[in-house]
Amino acid sequence: MKEFIVGKNDAGQRLDRWLAKTLPLLPAPLAQKYIRLKRVKVNGKGSQRDVRLAAGDVLQLYINDEFFDAPREENAFLSVFRPQLDLVYEDENLLLLNKRPGLLCHSDEHEKVNTLITHVQAYLYQKKEWNPRDEHSFIPALCNRIDRNTGGIVMAAKNAETLRILNQKIRDREIAKRYLAIIHGRMNPPQGRLDGFLLKDEEKAQVKVYHRPVPGGRSAATLYKTLRTQDGLSLVECELLTGRTHQIRAQFADAGHPLLGDGKYGRGRDGQKYGRTFQALCSYQLEFTFSTDAGLLEYLKGKRFTVKSVDFVSEYFPGNFPK
């Protein structure tokens, strides 16, 4: 028998989901059987699979040792990895990070270690704010992500409650995200809204814009405002009303004004003329526009956070960074 005490980061989870995360080697059908047979006890009693766990609950697992991960030391990189983070804001619940272009948010088939989430986890481990040995299922996590070559603000949750709240606020559109971009040409009208339906081609990792509903298509809406135009380029501010993959890049290309340097949706040679090899796009501002209760994070209501500078604005439109 092994005993676990539910911590605050595991509170609120269903028993069966907690069990799946804590014992990944245990097949789901067998886990359900063990719950029915009362080989999984909550505070000394049998329980239902959908019961919600509370902080302080004691779980006793009468399960064979073969289904438990063998004990091991923490990943060495957490101690020796040198985290490099551009902090926009930090408190006991979350981090707001200015991700640099070129850095992945999460690992892929080519890069496993040097990612934004790795930097976050090493940073919090070295600050002694997080230790994987103290958690059964929660690890610090990103609440949103942006493309590898797009820079800007990414939210990271330090605890499970913050992650749940921010994920819900994103779904409910109670967090405003504003971007700066440089596009080719001049938008007409200079301020307006782009609407459409985006359908993703998984093989090409690219989306196509339609102006009518299509099977599998997802609605996309972007507000834009031209801040300045010169030398065949325009600096625009965009606000996402929906958060679709490649939304800004695809919609401006569809409007005939692709982003500077965007080889996927624009024309690579146009970017080369200006010395830009990847999209001029930055998620430069984030505002917590909560209209419903935010629980633990209510203190963030109405707060707005902005990065200090954006490289392509300084290069192509010096002196025009929005206040």
C-alpha atoms as a PDB file:
ATOM      1  CA  MET A   1       0.000   0.000   0.000  1.00  0.00           C
ATOM      2  CA  LYS A   2       1.186   3.492  -0.858  1.00  0.00           C
ATOM      3  CA  GLU A   3      -0.255   6.647   0.641  1.00  0.00           C
ATOM      4  CA  PHE A   4      -0.513  10.119  -0.870  1.00  0.00           C
ATOM      5  CA  ILE A   5      -1.730  13.418   0.558  1.00  0.00           C
ATOM      6  CA  VAL A   6      -3.489  15.698  -1.928  1.00  0.00           C
ATOM      7  CA  GLY A   7      -1.789  19.084  -2.239  1.00  0.00           C
ATOM      8  CA  LYS A   8      -3.335  22.340  -3.421  1.00  0.00           C
ATOM      9  CA  ASN A   9      -2.177  21.806  -7.013  1.00  0.00           C
ATOM     10  CA  ASP A  10      -4.045  18.493  -7.185  1.00  0.00           C
ATOM     11  CA  ALA A  11      -7.202  19.734  -5.447  1.00  0.00           C
ATOM     12  CA  GLY A  12     -10.312  19.887  -7.614  1.00  0.00           C
ATOM     13  CA  GLN A  13      -9.332  16.981  -9.864  1.00  0.00           C
ATOM     14  CA  ARG A  14     -11.453  13.897 -10.355  1.00  0.00           C
ATOM     15  CA  LEU A  15     -10.111  10.819  -8.628  1.00  0.00           C
ATOM     16  CA  ASP A  16      -9.725   8.829 -11.858  1.00  0.00           C
ATOM     17  CA  ARG A  17      -7.847  11.648 -13.592  1.00  0.00           C
ATOM     18  CA  TRP A  18      -5.526  12.095 -10.614  1.00  0.00           C
ATOM     19  CA  LEU A  19      -4.848   8.367 -10.691  1.00  0.00           C
ATOM     20  CA  ALA A  20      -4.051   8.446 -14.427  1.00  0.00           C
ATOM     21  CA  LYS A  21      -1.497  11.232 -13.951  1.00  0.00           C
ATOM     22  CA  THR A  22       0.059   9.767 -10.817  1.00  0.00           C
ATOM     23  CA  LEU A  23       0.327   6.211 -12.169  1.00  0.00           C
ATOM     24  CA  PRO A  24       0.846   6.529 -15.934  1.00  0.00           C
ATOM     25  CA  LEU A  25       1.825   2.834 -16.102  1.00  0.00           C
ATOM     26  CA  LEU A  26      -1.581   1.735 -14.803  1.00  0.00           C
ATOM     27  CA  PRO A  27      -4.005   0.924 -17.675  1.00  0.00           C
ATOM     28  CA  ALA A  28      -7.212   2.963 -17.483  1.00  0.00           C
ATOM     29  CA  PRO A  29      -9.595  -0.063 -17.425  1.00  0.00           C
ATOM     30  CA  LEU A  30      -7.603  -1.578 -14.548  1.00  0.00           C
ATOM     31  CA  ALA A  31      -7.642   1.750 -12.683  1.00  0.00           C
ATOM     32  CA  GLN A  32     -11.447   1.860 -12.946  1.00  0.00           C
ATOM     33  CA  LYS A  33     -11.629  -1.731 -11.689  1.00  0.00           C
ATOM     34  CA  TYR A  34      -9.423  -0.916  -8.687  1.00  0.00           C
ATOM     35  CA  ILE A  35     -11.648   2.031  -7.796  1.00  0.00           C
ATOM     36  CA  ARG A  36     -14.743  -0.203  -7.956  1.00  0.00           C
ATOM     37  CA  LEU A  37     -13.031  -2.839  -5.791  1.00  0.00           C
ATOM     38  CA  LYS A  38     -12.133  -0.146  -3.231  1.00  0.00           C
ATOM     39  CA  ARG A  39      -8.418  -0.737  -3.695  1.00  0.00           C
ATOM     40  CA  VAL A  40      -8.247   3.054  -4.023  1.00  0.00           C
ATOM     41  CA  LYS A  41      -9.456   4.672  -0.805  1.00  0.00           C
ATOM     42  CA  VAL A  42     -10.061   8.347  -0.055  1.00  0.00           C
ATOM     43  CA  ASN A  43      -9.694   9.180   3.627  1.00  0.00           C
ATOM     44  CA  GLY A  44      -9.928   5.490   4.465  1.00  0.00           C
ATOM     45  CA  LYS A  45     -13.090   4.767   2.481  1.00  0.00           C
ATOM     46  CA  GLY A  46     -13.963   3.556  -0.995  1.00  0.00           C
ATOM     47  CA  SER A  47     -14.967   6.248  -3.453  1.00  0.00           C
ATOM     48  CA  GLN A  48     -16.419   6.956  -6.887  1.00  0.00           C
ATOM     49  CA  ARG A  49     -14.212   7.676  -9.885  1.00  0.00           C
ATOM     50  CA  ASP A  50     -15.703  11.155 -10.430  1.00  0.00           C
ATOM     51  CA  VAL A  51     -15.311  12.411  -6.848  1.00  0.00           C
ATOM     52  CA  ARG A  52     -13.441  15.716  -6.650  1.00  0.00           C
ATOM     53  CA  LEU A  53     -10.348  15.636  -4.468  1.00  0.00           C
ATOM     54  CA  ALA A  54      -9.712  18.293  -1.813  1.00  0.00           C
ATOM     55  CA  ALA A  55      -6.434  19.532  -0.387  1.00  0.00           C
ATOM     56  CA  GLY A  56      -5.481  17.360   2.569  1.00  0.00           C
ATOM     57  CA  ASP A  57      -7.337  14.259   1.403  1.00  0.00           C
ATOM     58  CA  VAL A  58      -5.399  11.067   2.139  1.00  0.00           C
ATOM     59  CA  LEU A  59      -5.354   8.515  -0.678  1.00  0.00           C
ATOM     60  CA  GLN A  60      -4.395   4.915  -0.003  1.00  0.00           C
ATOM     61  CA  LEU A  61      -3.540   2.846  -3.053  1.00  0.00           C
ATOM     62  CA  TYR A  62      -3.592  -0.936  -2.719  1.00  0.00           C
ATOM     63  CA  ILE A  63      -1.954  -1.383  -6.100  1.00  0.00           C
ATOM     64  CA  ASN A  64       0.989  -3.540  -7.191  1.00  0.00           C
ATOM     65  CA  ASP A  65       4.390  -1.846  -7.105  1.00  0.00           C
ATOM     66  CA  GLU A  66       4.945  -2.589 -10.813  1.00  0.00           C
ATOM     67  CA  PHE A  67       2.557   0.246 -11.707  1.00  0.00           C
ATOM     68  CA  PHE A  68       4.520   2.893  -9.827  1.00  0.00           C
ATOM     69  CA  ASP A  69       7.347   4.794 -11.486  1.00  0.00           C
ATOM     70  CA  ALA A  70      10.722   3.783 -10.095  1.00  0.00           C
ATOM     71  CA  PRO A  71      12.116   6.544  -7.815  1.00  0.00           C
ATOM     72  CA  ARG A  72      14.673   8.731  -9.550  1.00  0.00           C
ATOM     73  CA  GLU A  73      16.564  11.955  -8.988  1.00  0.00           C
ATOM     74  CA  GLU A  74      15.199  15.188 -10.433  1.00  0.00           C
ATOM     75  CA  ASN A  75      16.283  15.855 -13.994  1.00  0.00           C
ATOM     76  CA  ALA A  76      19.781  17.210 -13.761  1.00  0.00           C
ATOM     77  CA  PHE A  77      19.025  20.097 -16.126  1.00  0.00           C
ATOM     78  CA  LEU A  78      16.706  21.686 -13.548  1.00  0.00           C
ATOM     79  CA  SER A  79      19.762  22.352 -11.396  1.00  0.00           C
ATOM     80  CA  VAL A  80      22.386  23.166 -14.022  1.00  0.00           C
ATOM     81  CA  PHE A  81      20.324  24.717 -16.836  1.00  0.00           C
ATOM     82  CA  ARG A  82      20.772  28.490 -16.938  1.00  0.00           C
ATOM     83  CA  PRO A  83      17.295  29.959 -17.410  1.00  0.00           C
ATOM     84  CA  GLN A  84      17.100  33.093 -19.531  1.00  0.00           C
ATOM     85  CA  LEU A  85      13.780  34.851 -19.106  1.00  0.00           C
ATOM     86  CA  ASP A  86      12.654  38.372 -19.968  1.00  0.00           C
ATOM     87  CA  LEU A  87      10.171  38.965 -17.164  1.00  0.00           C
ATOM     88  CA  VAL A  88       7.333  41.384 -17.830  1.00  0.00           C
ATOM     89  CA  TYR A  89       5.608  40.595 -14.510  1.00  0.00           C
ATOM     90  CA  GLU A  90       5.804  38.019 -11.721  1.00  0.00           C
ATOM     91  CA  ASP A  91       3.888  37.253  -8.540  1.00  0.00           C
ATOM     92  CA  GLU A  92       3.188  34.160  -6.426  1.00  0.00           C
ATOM     93  CA  ASN A  93       0.744  32.770  -9.007  1.00  0.00           C
ATOM     94  CA  LEU A  94       2.014  33.559 -12.467  1.00  0.00           C
ATOM     95  CA  LEU A  95       4.731  34.819 -14.755  1.00  0.00           C
ATOM     96  CA  LEU A  96       4.320  37.064 -17.791  1.00  0.00           C
ATOM     97  CA  LEU A  97       7.247  36.467 -20.127  1.00  0.00           C
ATOM     98  CA  ASN A  98       8.464  38.277 -23.207  1.00  0.00           C
ATOM     99  CA  LYS A  99       9.363  35.356 -25.468  1.00  0.00           C
ATOM    100  CA  ARG A 100      12.090  36.130 -27.949  1.00  0.00           C
ATOM    101  CA  PRO A 101      11.585  35.205 -31.622  1.00  0.00           C
ATOM    102  CA  GLY A 102      13.220  31.902 -32.488  1.00  0.00           C
ATOM    103  CA  LEU A 103      12.457  30.233 -29.147  1.00  0.00           C
ATOM    104  CA  LEU A 104       9.906  27.412 -29.073  1.00  0.00           C
ATOM    105  CA  CYS A 105       7.226  27.468 -26.398  1.00  0.00           C
ATOM    106  CA  HIS A 106       7.263  23.665 -26.112  1.00  0.00           C
ATOM    107  CA  SER A 107       9.567  20.936 -27.364  1.00  0.00           C
ATOM    108  CA  ASP A 108       9.203  19.398 -30.813  1.00  0.00           C
ATOM    109  CA  GLU A 109      10.933  16.606 -32.711  1.00  0.00           C
ATOM    110  CA  HIS A 110      14.045  18.747 -33.192  1.00  0.00           C
ATOM    111  CA  GLU A 111      14.382  20.611 -29.876  1.00  0.00           C
ATOM    112  CA  LYS A 112      13.755  18.983 -26.502  1.00  0.00           C
ATOM    113  CA  VAL A 113      15.544  21.199 -23.971  1.00  0.00           C
ATOM    114  CA  ASN A 114      15.931  24.833 -25.029  1.00  0.00           C
ATOM    115  CA  THR A 115      12.272  25.855 -24.878  1.00  0.00           C
ATOM    116  CA  LEU A 116      10.368  28.532 -23.006  1.00  0.00           C
ATOM    117  CA  ILE A 117       8.691  26.033 -20.655  1.00  0.00           C
ATOM    118  CA  THR A 118      12.080  24.502 -19.822  1.00  0.00           C
ATOM    119  CA  HIS A 119      13.436  27.938 -18.905  1.00  0.00           C
ATOM    120  CA  VAL A 120      10.361  28.519 -16.724  1.00  0.00           C
ATOM    121  CA  GLN A 121      10.642  25.202 -14.905  1.00  0.00           C
ATOM    122  CA  ALA A 122      14.373  25.587 -14.263  1.00  0.00           C
ATOM    123  CA  TYR A 123      13.833  29.167 -13.070  1.00  0.00           C
ATOM    124  CA  LEU A 124      11.160  28.144 -10.549  1.00  0.00           C
ATOM    125  CA  TYR A 125      13.099  25.063  -9.425  1.00  0.00           C
ATOM    126  CA  GLN A 126      16.222  27.108  -8.743  1.00  0.00           C
ATOM    127  CA  LYS A 127      14.145  29.691  -6.855  1.00  0.00           C
ATOM    128  CA  LYS A 128      12.794  26.778  -4.760  1.00  0.00           C
ATOM    129  CA  GLU A 129       9.221  27.661  -5.752  1.00  0.00           C
ATOM    130  CA  TRP A 130       8.643  24.294  -7.435  1.00  0.00           C
ATOM    131  CA  ASN A 131      10.020  20.818  -6.884  1.00  0.00           C
ATOM    132  CA  PRO A 132       8.759  17.892  -8.981  1.00  0.00           C
ATOM    133  CA  ARG A 133       9.159  15.556  -5.994  1.00  0.00           C
ATOM    134  CA  ASP A 134       6.512  17.527  -4.125  1.00  0.00           C
ATOM    135  CA  GLU A 135       3.880  17.205  -6.854  1.00  0.00           C
ATOM    136  CA  HIS A 136       1.856  14.233  -8.027  1.00  0.00           C
ATOM    137  CA  SER A 137       0.614  15.695 -11.294  1.00  0.00           C
ATOM    138  CA  PHE A 138       1.131  19.473 -11.607  1.00  0.00           C
ATOM    139  CA  ILE A 139       4.106  21.067 -13.300  1.00  0.00           C
ATOM    140  CA  PRO A 140       4.443  24.768 -14.170  1.00  0.00           C
ATOM    141  CA  ALA A 141       2.675  25.282 -17.485  1.00  0.00           C
ATOM    142  CA  LEU A 142       2.162  27.869 -20.226  1.00  0.00           C
ATOM    143  CA  CYS A 143      -1.388  29.175 -20.558  1.00  0.00           C
ATOM    144  CA  ASN A 144      -0.971  30.393 -24.127  1.00  0.00           C
ATOM    145  CA  ARG A 145       1.565  29.947 -26.861  1.00  0.00           C
ATOM    146  CA  ILE A 146       2.823  31.900 -29.846  1.00  0.00           C
ATOM    147  CA  ASP A 147       4.657  30.828 -32.993  1.00  0.00           C
ATOM    148  CA  ARG A 148       8.355  30.115 -32.809  1.00  0.00           C
ATOM    149  CA  ASN A 149       9.354  33.217 -34.785  1.00  0.00           C
ATOM    150  CA  THR A 150       6.776  35.507 -33.173  1.00  0.00           C
ATOM    151  CA  GLY A 151       7.842  37.379 -30.052  1.00  0.00           C
ATOM    152  CA  GLY A 152       5.823  38.689 -27.157  1.00  0.00           C
ATOM    153  CA  ILE A 153       3.948  37.961 -23.966  1.00  0.00           C
ATOM    154  CA  VAL A 154       3.291  34.408 -22.825  1.00  0.00           C
ATOM    155  CA  MET A 155       1.556  33.565 -19.532  1.00  0.00           C
ATOM    156  CA  ALA A 156       2.933  30.812 -17.275  1.00  0.00           C
ATOM    157  CA  ALA A 157       1.037  29.404 -14.283  1.00  0.00           C
ATOM    158  CA  LYS A 158       2.860  28.529 -11.074  1.00  0.00           C
ATOM    159  CA  ASN A 159      -0.001  26.472  -9.645  1.00  0.00           C
ATOM    160  CA  ALA A 160      -2.955  24.420 -10.844  1.00  0.00           C
ATOM    161  CA  GLU A 161      -5.634  26.886  -9.760  1.00  0.00           C
ATOM    162  CA  THR A 162      -4.026  29.711 -11.725  1.00  0.00           C
ATOM    163  CA  LEU A 163      -3.777  27.457 -14.783  1.00  0.00           C
ATOM    164  CA  ARG A 164      -7.460  26.529 -14.566  1.00  0.00           C
ATOM    165  CA  ILE A 165      -8.584  30.136 -14.136  1.00  0.00           C
ATOM    166  CA  LEU A 166      -6.485  31.552 -16.973  1.00  0.00           C
ATOM    167  CA  ASN A 167      -7.458  28.778 -19.367  1.00  0.00           C
ATOM    168  CA  GLN A 168     -11.115  29.544 -18.658  1.00  0.00           C
ATOM    169  CA  LYS A 169     -10.590  33.306 -19.061  1.00  0.00           C
ATOM    170  CA  ILE A 170      -8.930  32.703 -22.423  1.00  0.00           C
ATOM    171  CA  ARG A 171     -11.895  30.580 -23.549  1.00  0.00           C
ATOM    172  CA  ASP A 172     -14.314  33.256 -22.320  1.00  0.00           C
ATOM    173  CA  ARG A 173     -12.307  36.002 -24.076  1.00  0.00           C
ATOM    174  CA  GLU A 174     -11.703  37.898 -20.845  1.00  0.00           C
ATOM    175  CA  ILE A 175      -8.030  38.492 -21.634  1.00  0.00           C
ATOM    176  CA  ALA A 176      -7.237  41.039 -24.363  1.00  0.00           C
ATOM    177  CA  LYS A 177      -4.135  40.374 -26.468  1.00  0.00           C
ATOM    178  CA  ARG A 178      -2.750  43.082 -28.714  1.00  0.00           C
ATOM    179  CA  TYR A 179      -0.089  42.626 -31.350  1.00  0.00           C
ATOM    180  CA  LEU A 180       2.174  44.894 -33.343  1.00  0.00           C
ATOM    181  CA  ALA A 181       2.949  43.930 -36.919  1.00  0.00           C
ATOM    182  CA  ILE A 182       4.540  45.418 -39.991  1.00  0.00           C
ATOM    183  CA  ILE A 183       2.725  44.723 -43.238  1.00  0.00           C
ATOM    184  CA  HIS A 184       3.482  45.423 -46.875  1.00  0.00           C
ATOM    185  CA  GLY A 185       1.513  48.331 -48.300  1.00  0.00           C
ATOM    186  CA  ARG A 186      -1.307  50.302 -46.721  1.00  0.00           C
ATOM    187  CA  MET A 187      -4.615  48.991 -45.386  1.00  0.00           C
ATOM    188  CA  ASN A 188      -7.775  50.543 -46.802  1.00  0.00           C
ATOM    189  CA  PRO A 189      -9.507  51.571 -44.649  1.00  0.00           C
ATOM    190  CA  PRO A 190      -6.637  52.313 -42.247  1.00  0.00           C
ATOM    191  CA  GLN A 191      -8.683  50.986 -39.315  1.00  0.00           C
ATOM    192  CA  GLY A 192     -11.176  48.145 -39.323  1.00  0.00           C
ATOM    193  CA  ARG A 193     -11.909  44.494 -38.788  1.00  0.00           C
ATOM    194  CA  LEU A 194     -10.880  41.332 -40.616  1.00  0.00           C
ATOM    195  CA  ASP A 195     -13.353  38.443 -40.577  1.00  0.00           C
ATOM    196  CA  GLY A 196     -13.182  35.007 -42.084  1.00  0.00           C
ATOM    197  CA  PHE A 197     -13.037  31.266 -41.524  1.00  0.00           C
ATOM    198  CA  LEU A 198      -9.687  29.520 -41.131  1.00  0.00           C
ATOM    199  CA  LEU A 199      -9.145  25.928 -42.214  1.00  0.00           C
ATOM    200  CA  LYS A 200      -5.854  24.291 -41.291  1.00  0.00           C
ATOM    201  CA  ASP A 201      -3.876  22.057 -43.619  1.00  0.00           C
ATOM    202  CA  GLU A 202      -2.107  19.743 -41.168  1.00  0.00           C
ATOM    203  CA  GLU A 203       0.421  18.491 -43.722  1.00  0.00           C
ATOM    204  CA  LYS A 204       1.559  21.996 -44.665  1.00  0.00           C
ATOM    205  CA  ALA A 205       1.092  23.390 -41.119  1.00  0.00           C
ATOM    206  CA  GLN A 206      -0.674  26.305 -42.777  1.00  0.00           C
ATOM    207  CA  VAL A 207      -4.169  27.774 -42.702  1.00  0.00           C
ATOM    208  CA  LYS A 208      -6.345  29.065 -45.537  1.00  0.00           C
ATOM    209  CA  VAL A 209      -8.829  31.918 -45.208  1.00  0.00           C
ATOM    210  CA  TYR A 210     -12.396  31.510 -46.468  1.00  0.00           C
ATOM    211  CA  HIS A 211     -15.095  34.174 -46.530  1.00  0.00           C
ATOM    212  CA  ARG A 212     -17.927  31.744 -45.996  1.00  0.00           C
ATOM    213  CA  PRO A 213     -18.443  28.879 -43.550  1.00  0.00           C
ATOM    214  CA  VAL A 214     -16.644  25.689 -44.621  1.00  0.00           C
ATOM    215  CA  PRO A 215     -16.581  22.218 -43.027  1.00  0.00           C
ATOM    216  CA  GLY A 216     -13.901  22.222 -40.337  1.00  0.00           C
ATOM    217  CA  GLY A 217     -13.355  25.965 -40.653  1.00  0.00           C
ATOM    218  CA  ARG A 218     -13.182  28.119 -37.538  1.00  0.00           C
ATOM    219  CA  SER A 219     -14.331  31.727 -37.402  1.00  0.00           C
ATOM    220  CA  ALA A 220     -11.586  34.334 -36.998  1.00  0.00           C
ATOM    221  CA  ALA A 221     -11.891  38.046 -36.206  1.00  0.00           C
ATOM    222  CA  THR A 222      -9.134  40.630 -35.867  1.00  0.00           C
ATOM    223  CA  LEU A 223      -9.377  44.352 -35.159  1.00  0.00           C
ATOM    224  CA  TYR A 224      -6.608  46.448 -36.669  1.00  0.00           C
ATOM    225  CA  LYS A 225      -5.442  50.058 -36.606  1.00  0.00           C
ATOM    226  CA  THR A 226      -2.715  51.573 -38.768  1.00  0.00           C
ATOM    227  CA  LEU A 227      -0.254  53.528 -36.647  1.00  0.00           C
ATOM    228  CA  ARG A 228       2.104  54.753 -39.368  1.00  0.00           C
ATOM    229  CA  THR A 229       2.997  54.150 -43.028  1.00  0.00           C
ATOM    230  CA  GLN A 230       6.322  54.814 -44.734  1.00  0.00           C
ATOM    231  CA  ASP A 231       8.663  53.295 -47.352  1.00  0.00           C
ATOM    232  CA  GLY A 232       6.005  50.872 -48.579  1.00  0.00           C
ATOM    233  CA  LEU A 233       5.370  49.453 -45.107  1.00  0.00           C
ATOM    234  CA  SER A 234       2.740  50.008 -42.430  1.00  0.00           C
ATOM    235  CA  LEU A 235       2.970  49.550 -38.687  1.00  0.00           C
ATOM    236  CA  VAL A 236      -0.346  48.156 -37.443  1.00  0.00           C
ATOM    237  CA  GLU A 237      -1.772  47.305 -34.052  1.00  0.00           C
ATOM    238  CA  CYS A 238      -4.022  44.236 -33.949  1.00  0.00           C
ATOM    239  CA  GLU A 239      -6.380  42.930 -31.298  1.00  0.00           C
ATOM    240  CA  LEU A 240      -7.452  39.314 -31.455  1.00  0.00           C
ATOM    241  CA  LEU A 241     -11.143  38.704 -30.936  1.00  0.00           C
ATOM    242  CA  THR A 242     -10.489  35.011 -31.557  1.00  0.00           C
ATOM    243  CA  GLY A 243      -7.261  33.095 -31.088  1.00  0.00           C
ATOM    244  CA  ARG A 244      -6.713  30.889 -34.133  1.00  0.00           C
ATOM    245  CA  THR A 245      -3.492  29.396 -35.462  1.00  0.00           C
ATOM    246  CA  HIS A 246      -1.614  31.914 -37.648  1.00  0.00           C
ATOM    247  CA  GLN A 247      -4.668  34.173 -37.552  1.00  0.00           C
ATOM    248  CA  ILE A 248      -2.975  37.549 -38.057  1.00  0.00           C
ATOM    249  CA  ARG A 249      -0.496  36.258 -40.612  1.00  0.00           C
ATOM    250  CA  ALA A 250      -3.131  34.520 -42.730  1.00  0.00           C
ATOM    251  CA  GLN A 251      -5.744  37.278 -42.596  1.00  0.00           C
ATOM    252  CA  PHE A 252      -3.415  40.091 -43.604  1.00  0.00           C
ATOM    253  CA  ALA A 253      -1.989  37.983 -46.437  1.00  0.00           C
ATOM    254  CA  ASP A 254      -5.531  37.256 -47.580  1.00  0.00           C
ATOM    255  CA  ALA A 255      -6.211  41.021 -47.544  1.00  0.00           C
ATOM    256  CA  GLY A 256      -3.243  41.516 -49.901  1.00  0.00           C
ATOM    257  CA  HIS A 257      -0.887  42.871 -47.246  1.00  0.00           C
ATOM    258  CA  PRO A 258       1.291  40.044 -45.903  1.00  0.00           C
ATOM    259  CA  LEU A 259       3.515  40.589 -42.901  1.00  0.00           C
ATOM    260  CA  LEU A 260       7.045  41.739 -43.521  1.00  0.00           C
ATOM    261  CA  GLY A 261       9.401  38.746 -43.572  1.00  0.00           C
ATOM    262  CA  ASP A 262       6.644  36.119 -43.560  1.00  0.00           C
ATOM    263  CA  GLY A 263       7.861  33.392 -45.903  1.00  0.00           C
ATOM    264  CA  LYS A 264       4.906  31.088 -45.233  1.00  0.00           C
ATOM    265  CA  TYR A 265       2.064  33.490 -46.057  1.00  0.00           C
ATOM    266  CA  GLY A 266       3.902  36.242 -47.887  1.00  0.00           C
ATOM    267  CA  ARG A 267       6.653  36.423 -50.467  1.00  0.00           C
ATOM    268  CA  GLY A 268      10.132  35.724 -49.125  1.00  0.00           C
ATOM    269  CA  ARG A 269      11.879  38.004 -51.625  1.00  0.00           C
ATOM    270  CA  ASP A 270       9.826  40.971 -50.403  1.00  0.00           C
ATOM    271  CA  GLY A 271      11.192  40.483 -46.915  1.00  0.00           C
ATOM    272  CA  GLN A 272      14.746  40.103 -48.214  1.00  0.00           C
ATOM    273  CA  LYS A 273      14.506  43.550 -49.794  1.00  0.00           C
ATOM    274  CA  TYR A 274      14.062  44.975 -46.304  1.00  0.00           C
ATOM    275  CA  GLY A 275      16.506  42.594 -44.619  1.00  0.00           C
ATOM    276  CA  ARG A 276      13.831  40.660 -42.719  1.00  0.00           C
ATOM    277  CA  THR A 277      13.822  36.836 -42.752  1.00  0.00           C
ATOM    278  CA  PHE A 278      10.887  36.064 -40.394  1.00  0.00           C
ATOM    279  CA  GLN A 279       7.522  37.626 -39.645  1.00  0.00           C
ATOM    280  CA  ALA A 280       7.473  41.088 -38.034  1.00  0.00           C
ATOM    281  CA  LEU A 281       4.900  40.202 -35.380  1.00  0.00           C
ATOM    282  CA  CYS A 282       4.903  40.653 -31.613  1.00  0.00           C
ATOM    283  CA  SER A 283       2.279  40.047 -28.925  1.00  0.00           C
ATOM    284  CA  TYR A 284       3.261  43.266 -27.212  1.00  0.00           C
ATOM    285  CA  GLN A 285       0.404  43.911 -24.773  1.00  0.00           C
ATOM    286  CA  LEU A 286      -1.910  41.901 -22.544  1.00  0.00           C
ATOM    287  CA  GLU A 287      -4.850  43.132 -20.462  1.00  0.00           C
ATOM    288  CA  PHE A 288      -6.925  41.212 -17.929  1.00  0.00           C
ATOM    289  CA  THR A 289     -10.449  42.323 -18.844  1.00  0.00           C
ATOM    290  CA  PHE A 290     -12.274  40.059 -16.403  1.00  0.00           C
ATOM    291  CA  SER A 291     -16.056  40.459 -16.548  1.00  0.00           C
ATOM    292  CA  THR A 292     -16.784  37.490 -14.272  1.00  0.00           C
ATOM    293  CA  ASP A 293     -15.276  36.355 -11.000  1.00  0.00           C
ATOM    294  CA  ALA A 294     -11.595  35.431 -11.292  1.00  0.00           C
ATOM    295  CA  GLY A 295     -11.217  33.832  -7.885  1.00  0.00           C
ATOM    296  CA  LEU A 296      -7.580  33.697  -6.859  1.00  0.00           C
ATOM    297  CA  LEU A 297      -6.626  36.116  -9.650  1.00  0.00           C
ATOM    298  CA  GLU A 298      -9.266  38.800  -9.086  1.00  0.00           C
ATOM    299  CA  TYR A 299      -6.486  41.256  -8.161  1.00  0.00           C
ATOM    300  CA  LEU A 300      -5.380  41.267 -11.806  1.00  0.00           C
ATOM    301  CA  LYS A 301      -8.694  42.657 -13.082  1.00  0.00           C
ATOM    302  CA  GLY A 302      -8.141  45.750 -15.229  1.00  0.00           C
ATOM    303  CA  LYS A 303      -4.333  45.458 -15.215  1.00  0.00           C
ATOM    304  CA  ARG A 304      -2.463  45.934 -18.475  1.00  0.00           C
ATOM    305  CA  PHE A 305       1.081  44.804 -19.228  1.00  0.00           C
ATOM    306  CA  THR A 306       3.286  45.904 -22.145  1.00  0.00           C
ATOM    307  CA  VAL A 307       6.732  44.825 -23.299  1.00  0.00           C
ATOM    308  CA  LYS A 308       9.424  47.514 -23.093  1.00  0.00           C
ATOM    309  CA  SER A 309      10.336  47.502 -26.784  1.00  0.00           C
ATOM    310  CA  VAL A 310       9.916  45.608 -30.043  1.00  0.00           C
ATOM    311  CA  ASP A 311      12.954  45.141 -32.260  1.00  0.00           C
ATOM    312  CA  PHE A 312      11.255  45.616 -35.628  1.00  0.00           C
ATOM    313  CA  VAL A 313       9.486  48.798 -34.487  1.00  0.00           C
ATOM    314  CA  SER A 314      12.830  50.264 -33.426  1.00  0.00           C
ATOM    315  CA  GLU A 315      14.376  49.241 -36.754  1.00  0.00           C
ATOM    316  CA  TYR A 316      11.681  50.241 -39.261  1.00  0.00           C
ATOM    317  CA  PHE A 317       9.584  52.790 -37.349  1.00  0.00           C
ATOM    318  CA  PRO A 318      11.887  54.337 -34.728  1.00  0.00           C
ATOM    319  CA  GLY A 319      10.142  56.543 -32.205  1.00  0.00           C
ATOM    320  CA  ASN A 320       6.713  55.016 -32.891  1.00  0.00           C
ATOM    321  CA  PHE A 321       6.348  52.450 -30.133  1.00  0.00           C
ATOM    322  CA  PRO A 322       2.793  52.770 -28.706  1.00  0.00           C
ATOM    323  CA  LYS A 323       2.503  54.147 -25.183  1.00  0.00           C
END
